[in-house]
């Protein structure tokens, strides 16, 4: 009995240490994200559609593509339907060695629209950044826009992005929505995740720091700035976040327009999703390793802190989940009554998470009852997998050879 009592006391001591760690590290981060959520709601509610300038700049849209036969026709037709002067628009479909019918479909569509050019990338297979840099050398436009090969931007999206360009904000990004959100449970989870990320991570940052970060699609950037920066980092797996860091380090801003919307296909299988997110996590690790010594170049301590959190978000979420899980297990093992601090450990992360997801659904005008009912289960299922994604991302980041994993598509 004495040994059992000592074991129980040891477990309770561990539980108290976990709570102290959470109180000092995890909870302030969650409180900060609650503040970002509130700021994001305010930003979106007060956002006014920008006035379209009379003299629109010429734009080159870069679309990296590799085995995109299932989606490329709809993507190119969406580009053709953009409400932008066609004499100032150039679309480069950059085929990176496709072995399916991507090239044939793209060339068929290009025959109908002279502003669409199909480019066969030489020396490809090196990743998205290499393909984008290849296209940059061929681009004629004053402004570069990037869309993934599965994107269907709304007709006014490009104009809305370009309208916010200025000397102070030479890059502008818009909102990414999930076109296949209702396909299964996974796509609903991804939809909720994206809505919240853009509410807090894009709108919230824009409200507090007057800048956002670039996603991998649906953004524009001045060509001269991109050339000054040397294009995309071809070693980076998260090339969008890495480029964002360099832009902000120049004391430039990235504007966010929540009304410039593109619809994107998301993974419909857990295996594909896991590989995609592992690559993103590895890309974050690379960006931290490459730029941690340059954080002093970021203007303002608040923005430095926020960007560091953005780079570490996969690991912070994983730690928060582990803390709550360990607290729950210890509580069960000790068979003791629930004390105030164990209740706090078990409830705070979950309640914060749930409120933030609900805020994203509200802001995204999601009326599906299924999503709202599914949200409470998201933490106990979807979020738990981030522990393994974070570990896999660390492993992937440590590999000498980096491989661009192209997300497989499905018919929509």
Protein backbone atom coordinates (compact mmCIF):
# COMPACT_ATOMS: atom_id res chain seq x y z
CA UNK A 1 0.00 0.00 0.00
CA UNK A 2 2.85 2.35 0.83
CA UNK A 3 4.39 1.80 -2.61
CA UNK A 4 1.02 2.46 -4.24
CA UNK A 5 0.60 5.67 -2.27
CA UNK A 6 4.08 6.84 -3.28
CA UNK A 7 3.29 6.06 -6.94
CA UNK A 8 0.07 8.03 -6.73
CA UNK A 9 1.88 10.98 -5.18
CA UNK A 10 4.55 10.85 -7.90
CA UNK A 11 1.90 10.84 -10.61
CA UNK A 12 0.13 13.77 -8.99
CA UNK A 13 3.40 15.67 -8.83
CA UNK A 14 3.92 15.04 -12.54
CA UNK A 15 0.40 16.27 -13.19
CA UNK A 16 1.13 19.49 -11.29
CA UNK A 17 4.33 20.02 -13.31
CA UNK A 18 2.35 19.56 -16.51
CA UNK A 19 -0.14 22.16 -15.35
CA UNK A 20 2.63 24.62 -14.47
CA UNK A 21 4.20 24.09 -17.91
CA UNK A 22 0.83 24.62 -19.54
CA UNK A 23 0.12 27.73 -17.51
CA UNK A 24 3.50 29.21 -18.46
CA UNK A 25 3.66 28.22 -22.16
CA UNK A 26 0.59 26.62 -23.73
CA UNK A 27 -2.24 28.66 -22.22
CA UNK A 28 -0.79 32.09 -23.11
CA UNK A 29 -0.44 30.90 -26.72
CA UNK A 30 -4.08 29.80 -26.81
CA UNK A 31 -5.14 33.10 -25.27
CA UNK A 32 -3.14 34.87 -27.95
CA UNK A 33 -4.94 32.91 -30.67
CA UNK A 34 -8.27 33.83 -29.10
CA UNK A 35 -7.18 37.48 -29.37
CA UNK A 36 -6.22 36.88 -33.01
CA UNK A 37 -9.64 35.34 -33.63
CA UNK A 38 -11.44 38.38 -32.23
CA UNK A 39 -9.16 40.67 -34.24
CA UNK A 40 -9.89 38.62 -37.37
CA UNK A 41 -13.64 38.92 -36.88
CA UNK A 42 -13.26 42.69 -36.56
CA UNK A 43 -11.03 42.90 -39.64
CA UNK A 44 -13.50 40.98 -41.80
CA UNK A 45 -16.55 42.86 -40.53
CA UNK A 46 -14.96 46.23 -41.35
CA UNK A 47 -13.25 45.21 -44.59
CA UNK A 48 -14.36 47.21 -47.62
CA UNK A 49 -13.94 46.04 -51.17
CA UNK A 50 -10.99 47.95 -52.69
CA UNK A 51 -11.57 50.37 -55.52
CA UNK A 52 -10.37 48.95 -58.84
CA UNK A 53 -7.79 51.31 -60.41
CA UNK A 54 -8.29 52.55 -63.98
CA UNK A 55 -4.83 51.49 -65.15
CA UNK A 56 -4.52 47.82 -64.25
CA UNK A 57 -1.02 46.31 -64.53
CA UNK A 58 -0.20 43.38 -66.78
CA UNK A 59 -0.35 40.06 -64.92
CA UNK A 60 1.28 36.68 -65.54
CA UNK A 61 -0.42 33.77 -63.79
CA UNK A 62 1.89 30.85 -63.00
CA UNK A 63 0.26 27.42 -62.63
CA UNK A 64 2.67 24.59 -61.70
CA UNK A 65 1.24 21.28 -62.90
CA UNK A 66 2.25 17.64 -62.70
CA UNK A 67 -0.26 14.91 -63.59
CA UNK A 68 -3.28 17.19 -63.18
CA UNK A 69 -5.45 15.72 -65.95
CA UNK A 70 -8.49 15.38 -63.67
CA UNK A 71 -8.66 19.08 -62.80
CA UNK A 72 -6.63 21.12 -65.28
CA UNK A 73 -9.44 21.85 -67.76
CA UNK A 74 -11.65 23.40 -65.09
CA UNK A 75 -8.70 25.35 -63.71
CA UNK A 76 -7.76 26.85 -67.08
CA UNK A 77 -11.40 27.66 -67.86
CA UNK A 78 -11.61 29.45 -64.50
CA UNK A 79 -8.57 31.52 -65.53
CA UNK A 80 -10.24 32.31 -68.86
CA UNK A 81 -13.35 33.50 -66.98
CA UNK A 82 -11.43 35.93 -64.78
CA UNK A 83 -12.79 39.46 -64.99
CA UNK A 84 -9.47 40.95 -66.07
CA UNK A 85 -8.49 42.66 -69.37
CA UNK A 86 -7.30 39.82 -71.56
CA UNK A 87 -4.77 42.06 -73.33
CA UNK A 88 -3.07 42.43 -69.92
CA UNK A 89 -3.33 38.79 -68.90
CA UNK A 90 -0.91 35.94 -69.50
CA UNK A 91 -1.47 32.43 -68.14
CA UNK A 92 1.50 30.05 -68.07
CA UNK A 93 0.62 26.41 -67.51
CA UNK A 94 3.97 25.01 -66.35
CA UNK A 95 3.96 21.27 -67.00
CA UNK A 96 6.53 19.50 -64.85
CA UNK A 97 6.91 16.23 -66.73
CA UNK A 98 3.32 14.99 -66.54
CA UNK A 99 2.79 11.38 -67.60
CA UNK A 100 -1.00 11.59 -67.85
CA UNK A 101 -3.16 13.69 -70.22
CA UNK A 102 -2.42 17.05 -68.57
CA UNK A 103 -0.48 18.39 -71.57
CA UNK A 104 -3.07 17.33 -74.13
CA UNK A 105 -5.97 18.88 -72.22
CA UNK A 106 -4.04 22.09 -71.52
CA UNK A 107 -3.01 22.49 -75.17
CA UNK A 108 -6.61 21.90 -76.26
CA UNK A 109 -7.87 24.69 -74.00
CA UNK A 110 -4.98 26.99 -74.99
CA UNK A 111 -6.09 26.82 -78.63
CA UNK A 112 -9.28 28.65 -77.67
CA UNK A 113 -7.57 31.28 -75.51
CA UNK A 114 -4.43 32.92 -76.95
CA UNK A 115 -3.39 34.38 -73.56
CA UNK A 116 -2.88 30.82 -72.22
CA UNK A 117 0.55 29.33 -72.95
CA UNK A 118 1.52 25.73 -72.20
CA UNK A 119 5.17 25.44 -71.14
CA UNK A 120 7.09 22.20 -70.82
CA UNK A 121 9.50 22.71 -67.92
CA UNK A 122 13.03 21.60 -68.76
CA UNK A 123 15.00 19.73 -66.12
CA UNK A 124 11.91 19.37 -63.98
CA UNK A 125 11.08 17.02 -61.15
CA UNK A 126 12.83 19.31 -58.64
CA UNK A 127 9.77 20.68 -56.92
CA UNK A 128 7.28 23.51 -57.03
CA UNK A 129 9.82 26.28 -56.35
CA UNK A 130 11.94 25.23 -59.31
CA UNK A 131 8.88 25.23 -61.58
CA UNK A 132 7.81 28.68 -60.35
CA UNK A 133 11.31 30.10 -60.92
CA UNK A 134 11.28 28.59 -64.41
CA UNK A 135 8.00 30.37 -65.13
CA UNK A 136 9.25 33.62 -63.61
CA UNK A 137 12.02 33.79 -66.22
CA UNK A 138 9.42 33.54 -68.99
CA UNK A 139 6.81 35.86 -67.48
CA UNK A 140 6.02 39.11 -69.29
CA UNK A 141 3.68 40.66 -66.74
CA UNK A 142 4.50 43.41 -64.25
CA UNK A 143 2.73 41.37 -61.59
CA UNK A 144 3.05 37.64 -60.90
CA UNK A 145 0.04 35.65 -59.70
CA UNK A 146 0.23 32.04 -58.49
CA UNK A 147 -2.53 29.45 -58.54
CA UNK A 148 -2.31 25.74 -57.85
CA UNK A 149 -3.46 23.43 -60.64
CA UNK A 150 -6.67 22.49 -58.81
CA UNK A 151 -7.86 26.07 -58.19
CA UNK A 152 -10.98 27.75 -59.47
CA UNK A 153 -10.77 31.44 -58.58
CA UNK A 154 -13.97 33.44 -58.63
CA UNK A 155 -14.17 35.86 -61.59
CA UNK A 156 -13.38 38.97 -59.56
CA UNK A 157 -10.57 37.45 -57.47
CA UNK A 158 -7.58 38.63 -59.52
CA UNK A 159 -8.83 42.20 -59.83
CA UNK A 160 -9.51 42.32 -56.10
CA UNK A 161 -5.96 41.18 -55.36
CA UNK A 162 -4.28 43.57 -57.79
CA UNK A 163 -6.36 46.50 -56.51
CA UNK A 164 -4.58 46.34 -53.12
CA UNK A 165 -1.02 46.42 -54.48
CA UNK A 166 1.09 49.42 -53.51
CA UNK A 167 4.67 50.35 -52.75
CA UNK A 168 4.07 49.47 -49.10
CA UNK A 169 2.17 46.26 -49.88
CA UNK A 170 3.83 44.71 -52.97
CA UNK A 171 2.15 41.35 -52.33
CA UNK A 172 -1.52 40.56 -51.73
CA UNK A 173 -3.22 37.28 -50.91
CA UNK A 174 -6.83 36.18 -50.87
CA UNK A 175 -9.01 33.53 -49.27
CA UNK A 176 -8.83 29.81 -50.07
CA UNK A 177 -12.06 27.83 -49.78
CA UNK A 178 -12.56 24.05 -49.97
CA UNK A 179 -14.51 23.06 -53.09
CA UNK A 180 -15.00 19.43 -52.00
CA UNK A 181 -15.70 20.21 -48.34
CA UNK A 182 -18.79 17.99 -48.21
CA UNK A 183 -17.14 14.88 -49.71
CA UNK A 184 -16.41 13.10 -46.40
CA UNK A 185 -15.47 13.63 -42.74
CA UNK A 186 -11.85 14.49 -43.58
CA UNK A 187 -12.72 17.21 -46.09
CA UNK A 188 -15.09 18.75 -43.54
CA UNK A 189 -12.28 18.82 -40.97
CA UNK A 190 -9.92 20.42 -43.52
CA UNK A 191 -12.55 23.01 -44.41
CA UNK A 192 -12.95 23.95 -40.74
CA UNK A 193 -9.18 24.10 -40.26
CA UNK A 194 -8.72 26.40 -43.27
CA UNK A 195 -11.52 28.72 -42.25
CA UNK A 196 -10.04 29.16 -38.80
CA UNK A 197 -6.45 29.57 -40.04
CA UNK A 198 -7.51 32.35 -42.39
CA UNK A 199 -9.65 34.03 -39.76
CA UNK A 200 -6.89 34.15 -37.13
CA UNK A 201 -3.72 33.78 -39.18
CA UNK A 202 -4.64 36.10 -42.04
CA UNK A 203 -7.40 38.46 -40.91
CA UNK A 204 -6.17 38.59 -37.31
CA UNK A 205 -2.58 39.37 -38.31
CA UNK A 206 -3.81 41.96 -40.78
CA UNK A 207 -5.75 43.70 -38.02
CA UNK A 208 -2.96 43.64 -35.43
CA UNK A 209 0.18 43.91 -37.56
CA UNK A 210 -1.04 45.18 -40.97
CA UNK A 211 0.41 42.12 -42.70
CA UNK A 212 -0.51 38.52 -43.56
CA UNK A 213 1.51 35.58 -44.93
CA UNK A 214 1.44 34.09 -48.40
CA UNK A 215 -0.31 30.76 -48.93
CA UNK A 216 0.76 28.51 -51.80
CA UNK A 217 -1.97 29.84 -54.08
CA UNK A 218 -4.25 32.81 -54.83
CA UNK A 219 -1.75 35.61 -54.37
CA UNK A 220 -0.08 38.33 -56.44
CA UNK A 221 3.35 39.89 -56.07
CA UNK A 222 5.21 42.52 -58.03
CA UNK A 223 7.64 40.92 -60.41
CA UNK A 224 10.45 43.39 -59.67
CA UNK A 225 10.31 42.56 -55.95
CA UNK A 226 10.30 38.84 -56.67
CA UNK A 227 13.35 39.24 -58.88
CA UNK A 228 15.05 41.37 -56.23
CA UNK A 229 14.49 38.55 -53.73
CA UNK A 230 15.94 35.99 -56.15
CA UNK A 231 12.64 34.18 -56.70
CA UNK A 232 11.55 31.17 -54.68
CA UNK A 233 13.91 29.15 -52.48
CA UNK A 234 14.25 25.83 -54.30
CA UNK A 235 15.28 24.01 -51.09
CA UNK A 236 12.13 25.07 -49.25
CA UNK A 237 9.21 22.64 -48.99
CA UNK A 238 6.98 25.43 -47.65
CA UNK A 239 8.08 27.94 -50.28
CA UNK A 240 5.17 30.28 -49.56
CA UNK A 241 6.00 30.77 -45.88
CA UNK A 242 9.70 31.11 -46.60
CA UNK A 243 9.02 33.81 -49.21
CA UNK A 244 6.69 35.59 -46.77
CA UNK A 245 9.49 35.82 -44.24
CA UNK A 246 11.84 37.46 -46.73
CA UNK A 247 9.21 39.98 -47.84
CA UNK A 248 8.40 41.02 -44.28
CA UNK A 249 12.12 41.17 -43.40
CA UNK A 250 12.40 43.87 -46.10
CA UNK A 251 9.82 45.82 -44.06
CA UNK A 252 7.20 45.31 -46.74
CA UNK A 253 3.66 44.18 -46.03
CA UNK A 254 1.49 41.41 -47.42
CA UNK A 255 -2.12 42.55 -47.69
CA UNK A 256 -5.05 40.17 -47.21
CA UNK A 257 -8.31 40.46 -49.14
CA UNK A 258 -10.95 38.06 -47.73
CA UNK A 259 -13.23 38.83 -50.69
CA UNK A 260 -10.75 37.52 -53.29
CA UNK A 261 -11.75 33.86 -53.19
CA UNK A 262 -10.43 30.77 -54.90
CA UNK A 263 -11.92 27.30 -54.53
CA UNK A 264 -9.41 24.50 -54.01
CA UNK A 265 -9.64 20.71 -53.90
CA UNK A 266 -8.38 19.13 -50.68
CA UNK A 267 -7.22 15.55 -50.00
CA UNK A 268 -10.03 13.05 -49.61
CA UNK A 269 -7.96 10.25 -48.05
CA UNK A 270 -6.16 10.28 -44.71
CA UNK A 271 -2.97 8.90 -46.24
CA UNK A 272 -2.71 11.68 -48.83
CA UNK A 273 -3.56 14.32 -46.22
CA UNK A 274 -0.94 12.97 -43.80
CA UNK A 275 1.80 13.11 -46.44
CA UNK A 276 0.80 16.62 -47.47
CA UNK A 277 0.84 17.96 -43.90
CA UNK A 278 4.10 16.19 -43.10
CA UNK A 279 5.68 18.06 -46.01
CA UNK A 280 4.28 21.35 -44.70
CA UNK A 281 5.59 20.65 -41.20
CA UNK A 282 9.04 19.84 -42.64
CA UNK A 283 8.89 23.09 -44.59
CA UNK A 284 8.25 25.03 -41.40
CA UNK A 285 11.24 23.37 -39.74
CA UNK A 286 13.42 24.37 -42.73
CA UNK A 287 12.25 27.99 -42.55
CA UNK A 288 12.99 28.19 -38.82
CA UNK A 289 16.46 26.73 -39.36
CA UNK A 290 17.23 29.10 -42.23
CA UNK A 291 15.88 32.31 -40.74
CA UNK A 292 15.96 32.10 -36.94
CA UNK A 293 19.14 34.21 -36.85
CA UNK A 294 17.45 36.87 -38.97
CA UNK A 295 14.43 37.42 -36.76
CA UNK A 296 15.84 40.78 -35.69
CA UNK A 297 15.09 41.98 -39.24
CA UNK A 298 11.34 41.55 -38.64
CA UNK A 299 9.83 44.91 -37.62
CA UNK A 300 8.40 44.86 -34.08
CA UNK A 301 8.53 42.32 -31.26
CA UNK A 302 4.85 41.48 -31.61
CA UNK A 303 5.22 40.47 -35.26
CA UNK A 304 8.42 38.53 -34.48
CA UNK A 305 6.56 36.59 -31.82
CA UNK A 306 3.64 35.94 -34.14
CA UNK A 307 5.81 34.71 -37.02
CA UNK A 308 7.68 32.40 -34.66
CA UNK A 309 4.36 30.96 -33.52
CA UNK A 310 3.32 30.53 -37.16
CA UNK A 311 6.49 28.59 -37.87
CA UNK A 312 6.00 26.44 -34.76
CA UNK A 313 2.22 26.01 -34.95
CA UNK A 314 2.35 22.28 -35.76
CA UNK A 315 4.50 21.59 -32.71
CA UNK A 316 2.62 23.89 -30.36
CA UNK A 317 -0.64 22.16 -31.23
CA UNK A 318 0.98 18.75 -30.78
CA UNK A 319 2.34 19.76 -27.35
CA UNK A 320 -1.05 21.13 -26.28
CA UNK A 321 -2.74 17.88 -27.30
CA UNK A 322 -0.11 15.79 -25.48
CA UNK A 323 -0.49 17.88 -22.31
CA UNK A 324 -4.24 17.37 -22.23
CA UNK A 325 -3.91 13.67 -23.08
CA UNK A 326 -1.34 13.03 -20.34
CA UNK A 327 -3.43 14.93 -17.81
CA UNK A 328 -6.44 12.77 -18.68
CA UNK A 329 -4.48 9.50 -18.43
CA UNK A 330 -2.93 10.44 -15.10
CA UNK A 331 -6.31 11.44 -13.74
CA UNK A 332 -7.73 8.03 -14.69
CA UNK A 333 -4.72 6.13 -13.26
CA UNK A 334 -4.81 7.91 -9.94
CA UNK A 335 -8.57 7.37 -9.59
CA UNK A 336 -8.65 10.56 -7.58
CA UNK A 337 -11.36 13.15 -7.50
CA UNK A 338 -11.17 15.85 -10.12
CA UNK A 339 -9.36 18.86 -8.69
CA UNK A 340 -9.59 22.37 -10.02
CA UNK A 341 -6.26 22.26 -11.85
CA UNK A 342 -6.90 18.89 -13.50
CA UNK A 343 -10.25 20.20 -14.72
CA UNK A 344 -8.48 23.28 -16.04
CA UNK A 345 -5.87 21.22 -17.91
CA UNK A 346 -8.52 19.00 -19.44
CA UNK A 347 -10.98 21.74 -20.40
CA UNK A 348 -9.01 24.83 -21.36
CA UNK A 349 -7.37 23.57 -24.55
CA UNK A 350 -10.56 21.86 -25.71
CA UNK A 351 -12.90 24.78 -25.01
CA UNK A 352 -10.49 27.26 -26.62
CA UNK A 353 -10.10 25.02 -29.65
CA UNK A 354 -13.86 24.58 -30.02
CA UNK A 355 -14.62 28.31 -29.73
CA UNK A 356 -12.02 29.08 -32.40
CA UNK A 357 -13.42 26.47 -34.81
CA UNK A 358 -16.96 27.77 -34.24
CA UNK A 359 -15.72 31.30 -34.97
CA UNK A 360 -14.25 30.07 -38.26
CA UNK A 361 -17.51 28.38 -39.24
CA UNK A 362 -19.46 31.52 -38.36
CA UNK A 363 -17.11 33.78 -40.32
CA UNK A 364 -17.12 31.39 -43.29
CA UNK A 365 -20.93 31.42 -43.29
CA UNK A 366 -21.05 27.63 -43.08
CA UNK A 367 -24.69 26.72 -42.49
CA UNK A 368 -24.22 22.96 -42.65
CA UNK A 369 -25.52 21.45 -39.41
CA UNK A 370 -23.23 18.47 -40.03
CA UNK A 371 -20.10 20.63 -39.73
CA UNK A 372 -21.28 22.29 -36.52
CA UNK A 373 -22.08 18.92 -34.98
CA UNK A 374 -18.79 17.44 -36.19
CA UNK A 375 -16.68 20.28 -34.76
CA UNK A 376 -16.75 19.00 -31.12
CA UNK A 377 -15.24 15.70 -32.32
CA UNK A 378 -12.45 17.39 -34.29
CA UNK A 379 -10.14 17.81 -31.31
CA UNK A 380 -10.39 14.14 -30.29
CA UNK A 381 -9.75 12.83 -33.80
CA UNK A 382 -8.21 15.19 -36.37
CA UNK A 383 -6.09 17.14 -33.89
CA UNK A 384 -4.63 14.04 -32.24
CA UNK A 385 -2.94 13.08 -35.52
CA UNK A 386 -0.91 16.29 -35.43
CA UNK A 387 1.34 14.62 -32.85
CA UNK A 388 2.46 12.13 -35.48
CA UNK A 389 2.56 14.75 -38.24
CA UNK A 390 4.93 16.87 -36.15
CA UNK A 391 7.26 13.93 -35.54
CA UNK A 392 7.13 12.91 -39.21
CA UNK A 393 7.85 16.52 -40.20
CA UNK A 394 10.98 16.57 -38.06
CA UNK A 395 12.12 13.33 -39.69
CA UNK A 396 11.39 14.66 -43.19
CA UNK A 397 13.21 17.92 -42.48
CA UNK A 398 16.31 15.97 -41.47
CA UNK A 399 16.61 14.18 -44.80
CA UNK A 400 19.45 15.27 -47.05
CA UNK A 401 17.33 15.05 -50.19
CA UNK A 402 14.09 17.00 -50.32
CA UNK A 403 11.29 15.69 -52.54
CA UNK A 404 8.23 17.66 -53.67
CA UNK A 405 5.24 15.45 -52.92
CA UNK A 406 2.55 16.39 -55.42
CA UNK A 407 -0.90 15.92 -53.86
CA UNK A 408 -2.96 13.45 -55.94
CA UNK A 409 -6.28 14.80 -57.25
CA UNK A 410 -9.74 13.31 -57.50
CA UNK A 411 -12.60 14.25 -59.81
CA UNK A 412 -14.89 16.96 -58.40
